[in-house]
C-alpha atoms as a PDB file:
ATOM      1  CA  MET A   1     125.971  31.995  94.688  1.00  0.00           C
ATOM      2  CA  GLY A   2     126.592  35.098  92.261  1.00  0.00           C
ATOM      3  CA  LYS A   3     130.107  37.101  92.508  1.00  0.00           C
ATOM      4  CA  GLN A   4     130.045  39.656  94.769  1.00  0.00           C
ATOM      5  CA  LYS A   5     130.277  43.491  93.831  1.00  0.00           C
ATOM      6  CA  LEU A   6     133.572  45.337  94.323  1.00  0.00           C
ATOM      7  CA  LYS A   7     133.189  48.347  96.765  1.00  0.00           C
ATOM      8  CA  THR A   8     134.145  51.690  95.838  1.00  0.00           C
ATOM      9  CA  HIS A   9     137.426  52.934  98.110  1.00  0.00           C
ATOM     10  CA  LYS A  10     136.165  56.608  98.970  1.00  0.00           C
ATOM     11  CA  ALA A  11     139.658  57.808 100.180  1.00  0.00           C
ATOM     12  CA  THR A  12     140.631  57.141  96.133  1.00  0.00           C
ATOM     13  CA  VAL A  13     137.315  58.857  95.039  1.00  0.00           C
ATOM     14  CA  LYS A  14     138.210  62.168  96.593  1.00  0.00           C
ATOM     15  CA  ARG A  15     141.617  62.316  95.133  1.00  0.00           C
ATOM     16  CA  PHE A  16     141.337  61.020  91.728  1.00  0.00           C
ATOM     17  CA  ARG A  17     138.700  62.459  88.641  1.00  0.00           C
ATOM     18  CA  VAL A  18     137.659  60.267  85.625  1.00  0.00           C
ATOM     19  CA  THR A  19     137.620  61.680  82.544  1.00  0.00           C
ATOM     20  CA  ALA A  20     135.045  61.033  79.862  1.00  0.00           C
ATOM     21  CA  ASN A  21     137.778  58.933  77.899  1.00  0.00           C
ATOM     22  CA  LYS A  22     138.554  57.137  80.945  1.00  0.00           C
ATOM     23  CA  LYS A  23     141.699  58.886  81.614  1.00  0.00           C
ATOM     24  CA  LEU A  24     142.784  59.799  85.436  1.00  0.00           C
ATOM     25  CA  LEU A  25     143.464  63.236  86.629  1.00  0.00           C
ATOM     26  CA  LYS A  26     145.036  64.171  90.191  1.00  0.00           C
ATOM     27  CA  ARG A  27     145.359  67.205  91.485  1.00  0.00           C
ATOM     28  CA  THR A  28     149.116  68.776  90.826  1.00  0.00           C
ATOM     29  CA  ALA A  29     151.149  68.348  94.252  1.00  0.00           C
ATOM     30  CA  GLY A  30     152.717  71.736  96.557  1.00  0.00           C
ATOM     31  CA  GLN A  31     149.741  73.656  95.770  1.00  0.00           C
ATOM     32  CA  ASP A  32     148.363  74.864  98.764  1.00  0.00           C
ATOM     33  CA  HIS A  33     151.528  76.233 100.606  1.00  0.00           C
ATOM     34  CA  PHE A  34     153.880  79.023  99.543  1.00  0.00           C
ATOM     35  CA  ASN A  35     152.239  79.784  96.566  1.00  0.00           C
ATOM     36  CA  SER A  36     153.103  83.786  96.774  1.00  0.00           C
ATOM     37  CA  ARG A  37     156.685  83.560  95.611  1.00  0.00           C
ATOM     38  CA  ASP A  38     155.594  81.712  92.776  1.00  0.00           C
ATOM     39  CA  ARG A  39     155.642  83.298  89.152  1.00  0.00           C
ATOM     40  CA  GLY A  40     152.710  83.478  87.453  1.00  0.00           C
ATOM     41  CA  VAL A  41     153.185  80.469  85.271  1.00  0.00           C
ATOM     42  CA  ARG A  42     154.554  78.287  87.375  1.00  0.00           C
ATOM     43  CA  THR A  43     150.721  79.248  89.432  1.00  0.00           C
ATOM     44  CA  MET A  44     148.585  78.876  86.678  1.00  0.00           C
ATOM     45  CA  GLY A  45     150.096  75.284  85.993  1.00  0.00           C
ATOM     46  CA  LYS A  46     148.994  74.448  89.806  1.00  0.00           C
ATOM     47  CA  ARG A  47     145.328  74.989  89.204  1.00  0.00           C
ATOM     48  CA  ARG A  48     145.409  72.322  87.000  1.00  0.00           C
ATOM     49  CA  ASP A  49     145.138  68.610  87.103  1.00  0.00           C
ATOM     50  CA  SER A  50     148.045  66.298  86.152  1.00  0.00           C
ATOM     51  CA  GLU A  51     147.077  62.553  84.607  1.00  0.00           C
ATOM     52  CA  LEU A  52     147.913  59.917  86.241  1.00  0.00           C
ATOM     53  CA  HIS A  53     151.218  57.954  85.203  1.00  0.00           C
ATOM     54  CA  THR A  54     150.618  54.542  83.805  1.00  0.00           C
ATOM     55  CA  THR A  55     152.018  52.434  86.491  1.00  0.00           C
ATOM     56  CA  LEU A  56     150.006  54.023  89.202  1.00  0.00           C
ATOM     57  CA  ASP A  57     146.637  53.678  86.694  1.00  0.00           C
ATOM     58  CA  LYS A  58     146.223  50.044  87.067  1.00  0.00           C
ATOM     59  CA  ASN A  59     146.488  50.338  90.879  1.00  0.00           C
ATOM     60  CA  VAL A  60     143.975  52.711  91.234  1.00  0.00           C
ATOM     61  CA  ARG A  61     141.391  51.163  88.805  1.00  0.00           C
ATOM     62  CA  LYS A  62     141.009  48.231  91.646  1.00  0.00           C
ATOM     63  CA  LEU A  63     139.745  50.368  94.057  1.00  0.00           C
ATOM     64  CA  VAL A  64     137.751  52.299  91.881  1.00  0.00           C
ATOM     65  CA  PRO A  65     135.222  49.558  90.133  1.00  0.00           C
ATOM     66  CA  ASP A  66     133.223  52.122  87.916  1.00  0.00           C
ATOM     67  CA  SER A  67     136.016  53.703  86.315  1.00  0.00           C
ATOM     68  CA  ASN A  68     136.592  50.772  84.092  1.00  0.00           C
END
């Protein structure tokens, strides 16, 4: 019997993106609500994706087998 293939966790794929250098990016929190009161620099910062913290990196990579 061969080794079973791991299935990709679809909800995780929708929330994280893998770059060419194998970094995991996530969407910045607090991006969709009450943006009009924020200043320009903060609004621009919210538009950028942020890198995933190293403690969560290992767990997310298990859910997305193609990211290794």
